Protein backbone atom coordinates (compact mmCIF):
# COMPACT_ATOMS: atom_id res chain seq x y z
CA MET A 1 -57.96 37.91 6.18
CA PRO A 2 -55.69 38.62 3.19
CA ASN A 3 -54.22 35.86 0.80
CA GLY A 4 -50.69 36.28 2.06
CA LEU A 5 -47.47 35.41 0.47
CA VAL A 6 -46.50 31.60 0.26
CA VAL A 7 -43.08 30.94 1.48
CA ALA A 8 -40.89 29.26 -1.26
CA ARG A 9 -37.53 28.66 0.53
CA VAL A 10 -36.16 29.02 3.85
CA GLU A 11 -32.57 29.52 4.44
CA ALA A 12 -30.70 27.00 6.76
CA GLY A 13 -29.61 28.56 10.08
CA GLY A 14 -31.49 31.55 9.47
CA ILE A 15 -34.26 33.22 11.81
CA ALA A 16 -36.98 31.77 9.82
CA ALA A 17 -35.78 28.30 10.21
CA GLU A 18 -35.29 28.86 13.70
CA MET A 19 -39.07 29.75 14.17
CA GLU A 20 -39.82 26.55 12.00
CA ILE A 21 -41.17 28.42 9.09
CA ALA A 22 -41.36 26.08 6.18
CA PRO A 23 -41.88 26.19 2.51
CA GLY A 24 -45.81 26.52 1.86
CA ASP A 25 -46.55 28.59 4.95
CA LYS A 26 -48.17 31.95 4.29
CA VAL A 27 -46.91 35.16 5.58
CA MET A 28 -50.08 37.01 6.71
CA ALA A 29 -49.22 40.02 8.52
CA VAL A 30 -46.79 42.05 10.50
CA ASP A 31 -47.72 43.74 13.60
CA GLY A 32 -51.50 43.55 12.70
CA GLN A 33 -50.86 45.17 9.16
CA GLU A 34 -51.66 42.70 6.15
CA ILE A 35 -49.08 41.79 3.84
CA LYS A 36 -50.17 42.59 0.31
CA ASP A 37 -47.03 42.37 -1.70
CA ILE A 38 -43.09 41.88 -1.13
CA ILE A 39 -42.95 45.55 -0.75
CA ASP A 40 -45.14 45.31 2.39
CA PHE A 41 -42.97 42.30 3.47
CA GLN A 42 -39.77 43.92 3.00
CA TYR A 43 -40.69 47.44 4.53
CA LEU A 44 -42.51 46.02 7.77
CA THR A 45 -39.72 43.40 8.58
CA ALA A 46 -37.01 45.85 8.36
CA ASP A 47 -37.84 46.81 12.04
CA GLU A 48 -35.81 45.07 14.91
CA VAL A 49 -38.78 44.13 16.75
CA PHE A 50 -42.16 42.91 15.42
CA THR A 51 -44.93 40.12 15.37
CA LEU A 52 -45.20 37.85 12.52
CA LEU A 53 -48.47 36.24 11.62
CA ILE A 54 -48.09 32.85 9.85
CA GLU A 55 -50.45 30.53 8.47
CA LYS A 56 -49.16 26.93 8.35
CA ALA A 57 -49.62 24.55 5.56
CA ASP A 58 -52.25 22.68 7.80
CA GLY A 59 -54.13 25.81 8.33
CA GLU A 60 -53.02 26.46 11.87
CA VAL A 61 -52.09 30.14 12.42
CA TRP A 62 -49.11 31.20 14.50
CA GLU A 63 -48.08 34.54 15.92
CA ILE A 64 -44.10 34.77 16.18
CA ASP A 65 -42.43 37.27 18.03
CA ILE A 66 -39.10 38.32 16.19
CA GLU A 67 -36.24 40.06 17.50
CA LYS A 68 -33.35 40.88 15.15
CA ASP A 69 -30.07 43.18 14.20
CA PRO A 70 -31.16 46.08 11.82
CA GLU A 71 -29.33 44.60 9.13
CA GLU A 72 -30.38 40.97 9.62
CA PHE A 73 -33.03 39.23 7.22
CA LEU A 74 -35.43 36.84 8.16
CA GLY A 75 -33.95 34.06 5.66
CA LEU A 76 -36.96 33.27 3.53
CA GLU A 77 -38.10 33.77 -0.03
CA VAL A 78 -41.84 34.01 -1.15
CA GLU A 79 -43.21 32.51 -4.36
CA LYS A 80 -44.76 35.52 -5.66
CA VAL A 81 -44.19 39.15 -5.62
CA SER A 82 -47.79 39.71 -4.39
CA ALA A 83 -50.75 37.64 -3.57
CA GLY A 84 -52.56 39.00 -6.81
CA GLY A 85 -49.53 38.10 -9.04
CA LEU A 86 -47.46 40.32 -11.24
CA LYS A 87 -48.22 43.56 -12.69
CA PHE A 88 -48.25 42.79 -16.74
CA CYS A 89 -46.99 44.80 -19.46
CA THR A 90 -49.50 47.04 -21.34
CA ASN A 91 -47.36 48.09 -24.08
CA ASN A 92 -47.21 46.24 -27.52
CA CYS A 93 -43.44 47.20 -28.40
CA VAL A 94 -42.58 46.88 -31.99
CA PHE A 95 -39.29 44.99 -30.85
CA CYS A 96 -40.91 42.94 -27.95
CA PHE A 97 -38.69 39.62 -27.67
CA VAL A 98 -41.53 37.79 -26.02
CA ALA A 99 -43.64 38.06 -29.14
CA GLN A 100 -40.79 36.74 -31.17
CA MET A 101 -40.51 33.51 -29.23
CA PRO A 102 -41.69 29.96 -30.52
CA GLU A 103 -43.65 27.71 -28.56
CA GLY A 104 -42.49 25.02 -26.18
CA MET A 105 -39.95 27.00 -24.06
CA ARG A 106 -40.34 27.54 -20.03
CA ARG A 107 -43.72 28.90 -19.48
CA THR A 108 -42.46 31.75 -17.34
CA LEU A 109 -40.67 33.05 -20.17
CA TYR A 110 -43.91 34.08 -22.02
CA ASP A 111 -45.01 36.30 -18.93
CA LYS A 112 -44.58 40.00 -20.11
CA ASP A 113 -43.97 41.48 -16.58
CA ASP A 114 -43.66 45.27 -16.02
CA ASP A 115 -43.80 45.30 -12.29
CA TYR A 116 -42.03 48.00 -10.43
CA ARG A 117 -41.64 45.67 -7.27
CA LEU A 118 -39.35 43.11 -9.50
CA SER A 119 -37.52 46.12 -10.44
CA LEU A 120 -36.65 46.88 -6.93
CA SER A 121 -36.14 43.55 -5.61
CA GLN A 122 -34.66 41.84 -8.77
CA GLY A 123 -33.24 44.59 -11.04
CA SER A 124 -35.99 43.94 -13.62
CA PHE A 125 -36.57 46.72 -16.31
CA ILE A 126 -39.90 48.51 -16.09
CA THR A 127 -41.48 51.10 -18.47
CA LEU A 128 -43.51 52.90 -15.91
CA SER A 129 -46.53 53.08 -18.52
CA ASN A 130 -48.73 50.66 -16.47
CA LEU A 131 -48.54 52.58 -12.93
CA SER A 132 -51.67 54.10 -11.61
CA GLU A 133 -50.95 57.39 -9.83
CA ALA A 134 -51.57 55.73 -6.31
CA GLU A 135 -48.67 53.01 -7.15
CA PHE A 136 -46.62 55.75 -8.30
CA GLN A 137 -47.16 57.95 -5.13
CA ARG A 138 -46.27 54.77 -3.27
CA ILE A 139 -42.94 54.44 -5.00
CA LEU A 140 -42.30 58.13 -4.08
CA ASP A 141 -43.61 57.94 -0.48
CA LEU A 142 -41.72 54.59 0.36
CA HIS A 143 -38.55 55.76 -1.53
CA LEU A 144 -38.45 52.63 -3.67
CA SER A 145 -34.94 52.96 -4.91
CA PRO A 146 -33.05 51.90 -7.13
CA LEU A 147 -35.51 51.34 -10.11
CA TYR A 148 -34.58 49.99 -13.29
CA ILE A 149 -36.14 51.80 -16.27
CA SER A 150 -36.61 50.97 -19.91
CA VAL A 151 -36.55 54.44 -21.42
CA HIS A 152 -35.80 53.76 -25.18
CA ALA A 153 -36.74 57.17 -26.27
CA TRP A 154 -36.91 60.57 -24.41
CA ASP A 155 -39.05 62.14 -27.25
CA PRO A 156 -42.90 61.33 -26.62
CA ALA A 157 -43.83 60.74 -30.02
CA ALA A 158 -40.72 58.25 -30.79
CA ARG A 159 -41.41 56.46 -27.47
CA VAL A 160 -45.18 55.97 -28.20
CA LYS A 161 -44.28 54.74 -31.91
CA LEU A 162 -41.93 52.25 -30.31
CA MET A 163 -44.06 51.09 -27.21
CA GLN A 164 -47.49 51.53 -29.04
CA ASN A 165 -49.09 52.90 -25.84
CA LYS A 166 -49.97 56.42 -25.46
CA ARG A 167 -49.16 56.47 -21.68
CA SER A 168 -45.59 55.79 -22.75
CA GLY A 169 -45.34 59.53 -23.68
CA GLU A 170 -45.59 60.51 -19.97
CA LEU A 171 -41.74 59.32 -19.27
CA ALA A 172 -40.34 63.02 -19.01
CA ASP A 173 -42.62 63.82 -16.08
CA GLN A 174 -42.21 60.67 -14.40
CA ILE A 175 -38.31 60.67 -14.62
CA ARG A 176 -38.65 64.05 -12.92
CA ARG A 177 -40.89 63.36 -10.29
CA LEU A 178 -38.60 60.40 -9.51
CA ALA A 179 -35.28 62.41 -9.35
CA GLU A 180 -36.80 64.89 -7.24
CA ALA A 181 -37.81 62.33 -4.59
CA GLY A 182 -34.33 61.12 -4.47
CA ILE A 183 -35.06 57.74 -6.40
CA SER A 184 -32.00 56.33 -7.98
CA MET A 185 -32.52 54.96 -11.47
CA HIS A 186 -30.64 52.64 -13.94
CA THR A 187 -31.94 53.12 -17.45
CA GLN A 188 -31.87 51.15 -20.74
CA ILE A 189 -32.33 52.05 -24.48
CA VAL A 190 -33.18 49.09 -26.67
CA LEU A 191 -31.68 50.59 -30.00
CA VAL A 192 -33.93 49.95 -32.87
CA PRO A 193 -32.84 51.37 -36.52
CA GLY A 194 -34.97 54.12 -37.83
CA TYR A 195 -36.92 54.58 -34.54
CA ASN A 196 -34.73 55.83 -31.96
CA ASP A 197 -31.16 55.94 -33.08
CA GLY A 198 -29.45 59.26 -34.61
CA GLU A 199 -30.76 62.50 -33.25
CA VAL A 200 -33.41 60.76 -30.97
CA LEU A 201 -30.80 58.74 -29.03
CA ALA A 202 -28.46 61.81 -28.85
CA GLU A 203 -31.32 63.66 -27.15
CA THR A 204 -32.16 60.63 -24.81
CA VAL A 205 -28.78 60.28 -23.75
CA ALA A 206 -28.36 63.90 -23.03
CA ARG A 207 -31.70 64.34 -21.22
CA LEU A 208 -30.96 61.19 -19.05
CA GLY A 209 -27.59 62.54 -18.33
CA GLY A 210 -28.84 65.82 -17.22
CA PHE A 211 -30.56 63.99 -14.06
CA TYR A 212 -27.29 62.69 -12.77
CA PRO A 213 -26.81 61.82 -9.94
CA GLN A 214 -30.34 60.26 -9.65
CA VAL A 215 -29.76 58.64 -13.24
CA GLN A 216 -26.97 56.39 -12.43
CA SER A 217 -26.31 54.68 -15.54
CA ILE A 218 -27.63 54.58 -19.29
CA ALA A 219 -27.18 51.29 -21.13
CA VAL A 220 -27.54 50.97 -24.88
CA VAL A 221 -28.27 47.66 -25.92
CA PRO A 222 -29.03 46.58 -29.96
CA VAL A 223 -32.62 45.23 -30.60
CA GLY A 224 -32.71 41.47 -30.50
CA LEU A 225 -34.52 39.92 -33.69
CA THR A 226 -35.42 36.25 -34.05
CA LYS A 227 -36.63 34.56 -36.89
CA PHE A 228 -40.25 34.19 -35.44
CA ARG A 229 -41.20 37.66 -36.57
CA GLU A 230 -44.24 36.39 -38.85
CA GLN A 231 -46.78 39.38 -38.88
CA LEU A 232 -44.68 41.47 -36.79
CA THR A 233 -43.27 44.91 -37.66
CA ASP A 234 -40.45 44.72 -40.25
CA LEU A 235 -37.23 45.73 -38.37
CA ARG A 236 -33.73 45.16 -39.13
CA SER A 237 -30.26 44.83 -37.26
CA PHE A 238 -27.36 47.35 -37.08
CA ASP A 239 -24.71 46.81 -39.58
CA SER A 240 -20.89 46.97 -38.89
CA PHE A 241 -20.72 50.62 -40.29
CA GLU A 242 -23.57 51.77 -38.03
CA ALA A 243 -22.12 50.12 -34.88
CA ARG A 244 -18.66 51.98 -35.58
CA THR A 245 -20.25 55.32 -36.16
CA LEU A 246 -22.56 54.72 -32.90
CA LEU A 247 -19.14 53.97 -30.95
CA GLU A 248 -17.57 57.09 -32.27
CA HIS A 249 -20.60 59.04 -30.55
CA ALA A 250 -20.49 56.97 -27.66
CA HIS A 251 -16.80 57.87 -26.85
CA LYS A 252 -17.58 61.47 -27.15
CA TRP A 253 -20.59 61.40 -24.99
CA GLN A 254 -18.68 59.42 -22.39
CA GLU A 255 -15.76 61.96 -22.17
CA GLU A 256 -18.34 64.82 -21.70
CA PHE A 257 -19.83 62.93 -18.96
CA TYR A 258 -16.62 61.99 -17.46
CA ARG A 259 -15.69 65.65 -17.50
CA GLU A 260 -18.96 66.84 -16.00
CA THR A 261 -19.61 64.17 -13.40
CA GLY A 262 -16.40 62.00 -13.05
CA ARG A 263 -18.13 59.12 -14.59
CA ARG A 264 -18.89 58.05 -18.33
CA LEU A 265 -22.35 57.26 -17.51
CA VAL A 266 -23.55 55.93 -20.71
CA TYR A 267 -22.35 52.36 -21.76
CA PHE A 268 -22.68 50.28 -24.60
CA ALA A 269 -23.63 46.60 -24.92
CA ASP A 270 -20.54 44.21 -25.85
CA GLU A 271 -22.27 43.18 -29.06
CA PHE A 272 -21.78 46.60 -30.69
CA TYR A 273 -18.03 46.04 -30.18
CA VAL A 274 -18.28 42.78 -31.75
CA LEU A 275 -20.27 44.06 -34.56
CA ALA A 276 -17.89 47.03 -35.18
CA GLY A 277 -14.80 44.92 -35.11
CA GLN A 278 -13.48 46.82 -32.22
CA ASP A 279 -11.62 45.81 -29.09
CA PHE A 280 -13.44 45.77 -25.87
CA PRO A 281 -12.64 49.02 -23.89
CA GLY A 282 -10.97 48.58 -20.32
CA VAL A 283 -12.82 48.31 -17.27
CA GLU A 284 -12.57 51.86 -16.21
CA THR A 285 -15.13 52.70 -18.97
CA TYR A 286 -17.89 50.90 -17.06
CA ASP A 287 -17.50 52.62 -13.75
CA GLY A 288 -17.86 49.55 -11.55
CA PHE A 289 -20.41 47.55 -14.19
CA PRO A 290 -23.73 48.98 -13.15
CA GLN A 291 -25.49 47.21 -15.87
CA LEU A 292 -23.34 43.93 -16.12
CA GLU A 293 -26.45 41.59 -16.06
CA ASN A 294 -27.64 43.63 -19.40
CA GLY A 295 -24.54 42.44 -21.35
CA VAL A 296 -22.81 45.57 -20.96
CA GLY A 297 -19.10 45.19 -19.83
CA MET A 298 -19.09 41.36 -19.47
CA ALA A 299 -16.44 41.05 -21.97
CA ALA A 300 -13.97 43.72 -20.50
CA LYS A 301 -14.70 42.41 -17.05
CA PHE A 302 -13.64 38.78 -18.26
CA GLN A 303 -10.59 39.89 -19.97
CA ALA A 304 -9.57 41.85 -16.84
CA GLU A 305 -10.06 38.72 -14.64
CA ILE A 306 -8.27 36.50 -16.97
CA ALA A 307 -5.30 38.95 -17.06
CA GLU A 308 -5.51 38.99 -13.15
CA GLY A 309 -5.31 35.12 -12.88
CA TRP A 310 -2.71 34.53 -15.60
CA ASP A 311 0.58 34.51 -13.82
CA SER A 312 -1.16 31.69 -11.35
CA LEU A 313 -1.52 29.37 -14.22
CA PRO A 314 0.89 26.36 -14.38
CA THR A 315 3.23 26.06 -17.07
CA SER A 316 2.06 22.35 -17.71
CA ILE A 317 -0.51 19.69 -16.59
CA SER A 318 -1.16 16.13 -17.50
CA PRO A 319 -2.49 16.20 -21.00
CA ARG A 320 -6.11 16.42 -21.47
CA ILE A 321 -8.75 17.97 -23.63
CA VAL A 322 -11.65 20.31 -22.53
CA HIS A 323 -14.24 21.73 -24.79
CA LEU A 324 -16.03 25.29 -24.40
CA ILE A 325 -19.51 25.80 -25.49
CA THR A 326 -20.16 29.46 -26.31
CA GLY A 327 -21.97 31.96 -28.55
CA VAL A 328 -21.01 33.03 -32.16
CA SER A 329 -20.38 36.60 -30.66
CA ALA A 330 -17.70 35.54 -28.24
CA GLY A 331 -16.41 32.73 -30.76
CA ASN A 332 -13.36 34.91 -32.01
CA PHE A 333 -12.49 35.97 -28.47
CA PHE A 334 -12.12 32.57 -27.32
CA LEU A 335 -10.26 31.41 -30.33
CA GLY A 336 -7.69 34.00 -29.56
CA LEU A 337 -7.54 33.14 -25.98
CA LYS A 338 -7.41 29.22 -26.70
CA GLN A 339 -4.00 29.73 -28.72
CA LYS A 340 -2.62 31.87 -25.61
CA LEU A 341 -3.58 29.17 -23.10
CA GLU A 342 -2.39 26.30 -24.84
CA LYS A 343 0.93 27.97 -25.46
CA ARG A 344 1.09 29.07 -21.40
CA VAL A 345 0.02 25.61 -20.26
CA GLN A 346 1.59 22.77 -21.84
CA GLY A 347 -0.78 19.61 -22.02
CA LEU A 348 -3.94 21.74 -22.24
CA SER A 349 -6.09 21.31 -25.45
CA LEU A 350 -9.02 23.60 -25.41
CA LEU A 351 -11.60 23.28 -28.12
CA ILE A 352 -14.03 26.07 -28.94
CA HIS A 353 -17.59 25.35 -30.05
CA PRO A 354 -19.16 28.70 -31.36
CA ILE A 355 -22.77 27.42 -31.47
CA CYS A 356 -25.09 28.99 -34.25
CA ASN A 357 -28.47 29.90 -32.75
CA ASP A 358 -30.77 27.83 -35.22
CA PHE A 359 -33.66 27.97 -32.85
CA PHE A 360 -34.00 31.66 -32.75
CA GLY A 361 -32.08 32.54 -35.59
CA SER A 362 -28.62 33.44 -36.89
CA THR A 363 -29.03 37.21 -35.77
CA VAL A 364 -29.19 35.91 -32.08
CA THR A 365 -25.76 35.44 -31.25
CA VAL A 366 -25.15 35.81 -27.47
CA ALA A 367 -24.37 32.51 -25.48
CA GLY A 368 -27.11 33.43 -22.90
CA LEU A 369 -29.82 32.60 -25.65
CA LEU A 370 -28.38 29.21 -26.56
CA THR A 371 -30.48 26.00 -26.26
CA ALA A 372 -29.67 22.43 -25.40
CA GLN A 373 -30.69 21.37 -28.73
CA ASP A 374 -28.60 23.53 -30.80
CA ILE A 375 -25.52 22.75 -28.66
CA ALA A 376 -26.29 18.88 -29.16
CA ALA A 377 -26.95 19.35 -32.96
CA GLN A 378 -23.34 21.10 -33.40
CA THR A 379 -21.18 19.51 -31.09
CA GLY A 380 -21.11 15.85 -31.90
CA ASP A 381 -19.71 13.08 -29.88
CA LEU A 382 -17.20 14.23 -27.14
CA LYS A 383 -16.17 10.88 -26.45
CA GLY A 384 -16.75 11.26 -22.50
CA GLN A 385 -14.71 14.40 -22.51
CA GLU A 386 -15.56 17.44 -20.31
CA PHE A 387 -17.16 20.50 -21.75
CA LEU A 388 -17.62 23.99 -20.14
CA LEU A 389 -21.22 25.46 -20.03
CA PRO A 390 -21.50 29.08 -18.89
CA ASP A 391 -23.90 29.49 -16.38
CA ILE A 392 -25.87 32.12 -18.23
CA MET A 393 -27.27 29.72 -20.40
CA LEU A 394 -29.25 28.06 -17.65
CA LYS A 395 -32.15 29.20 -15.49
CA SER A 396 -31.06 30.92 -12.25
CA ASP A 397 -32.06 28.21 -9.73
CA GLU A 398 -32.03 25.06 -12.05
CA ARG A 399 -29.93 23.18 -14.55
CA ILE A 400 -32.55 23.95 -17.62
CA PHE A 401 -32.14 25.53 -20.77
CA LEU A 402 -34.41 27.84 -22.54
CA ASP A 403 -35.95 24.94 -24.51
CA GLU A 404 -36.63 23.01 -21.43
CA HIS A 405 -34.01 20.40 -21.79
CA ASN A 406 -31.71 19.86 -18.80
CA VAL A 407 -27.99 19.51 -18.44
CA GLU A 408 -28.29 15.83 -18.09
CA TRP A 409 -30.28 15.44 -21.34
CA LEU A 410 -27.43 17.40 -23.15
CA GLU A 411 -24.64 15.35 -21.63
CA GLN A 412 -26.40 12.06 -22.94
CA GLN A 413 -26.59 13.45 -26.38
CA VAL A 414 -23.04 14.71 -26.85
CA ASN A 415 -21.51 11.88 -24.66
CA GLY A 416 -19.78 14.39 -22.50
CA LYS A 417 -19.45 15.45 -18.85
CA ALA A 418 -20.79 19.02 -18.29
CA VAL A 419 -18.92 21.50 -15.95
CA ILE A 420 -21.04 24.56 -15.14
CA VAL A 421 -18.77 27.88 -14.89
CA GLU A 422 -19.61 31.32 -13.76
CA ASN A 423 -18.94 34.11 -16.10
CA ASN A 424 -15.66 35.11 -14.30
CA GLY A 425 -12.21 34.87 -15.93
CA GLN A 426 -10.48 33.72 -12.89
CA ILE A 427 -12.76 31.05 -12.19
CA PHE A 428 -12.84 30.00 -15.72
CA LEU A 429 -9.03 29.64 -15.70
CA GLU A 430 -9.37 27.69 -12.36
CA THR A 431 -11.85 25.51 -13.67
CA LEU A 432 -9.64 24.44 -16.61
CA ILE A 433 -6.98 23.54 -14.42
CA ARG A 434 -8.92 21.88 -11.61
CA HIS A 435 -11.16 19.62 -13.66
CA GLY A 436 -10.10 16.73 -15.33
């Protein structure tokens, strides 16, 4: 009997709830075929009629006959991607962010997963360098698509140097096989000065673009460096001149791809525009934001949403003060927005707190990597007033920061009331007006 997949959550009103499946139960088999991982589960439960074998928490085994519509889901989530756990990374990348993290953070943040099943189900980026031939063939046979792939460099020598793994040099053949099988791919390049920029980057972008439409997007993001790099490879960040030069090339590549495909195809992280001192491009540059979670196009989308909701703002409200917690990279944007908002909405006082990341180091400037302790140390006493926290600072399913402190702890430290807000411009404006 297989180990099965443990049920973590059951959606109220869903099929699983109606069948009295509960958290802690195990999904063992579908139509007699054992469930080894989430791919088996998703594939075998896609049918309209099947028999589910469930082992209850008390050891009792149930056989449940399921009938559902083709697009209907069972309404349950499992704890792990497989009974055997995750596939972990076999690389030793010179820029690995996990290797530069201090102790005392959430345990799962230290897991160097590189699992194709998470790429399919959650959009996690994988390198393909740890796949056996059987696993690769499974991806092709089941047409597991789309996949999110960390490319970094097309040139085999450059990729091996970056990732410290000889198998990483097999990428070109892997991309070709995936493309020939019709697998859609979203790709990313973590750009490291002196390693994969310049001509190496130009080749990587051109080669990936040549696989359109199977390659649906190419994101270029800057290397993230923390202050915890003792005994690690000496790396540096990009400077403003390099960022401006890079974006000049970016515009040319985007124009060429647009002429050839109708899409700009290659997109650059918001941090490059901040570093270059340039305005963010319009939303049309991002072709529907295929890599928004990668920090690519967030600012442009937010600006467009602000513009869309602007005319619905009242001209005045009862006097009140609202604080906004953000990262250094977004600080100037919000300081400019503050002036416009206070002129538009009489009675609103918006105070911006761009928090320096002392925890990871000043080179880390994005809001999503801020910790509760840095916010507490730099915000001061808010005298019971509201402060807005972008939800990207918190764990997706809990009100917990990277440093394990929760929102309630932060509220006590700053003497304020937290309001969690989505990274959406219209919702941000509505939150400013609605709360108070």
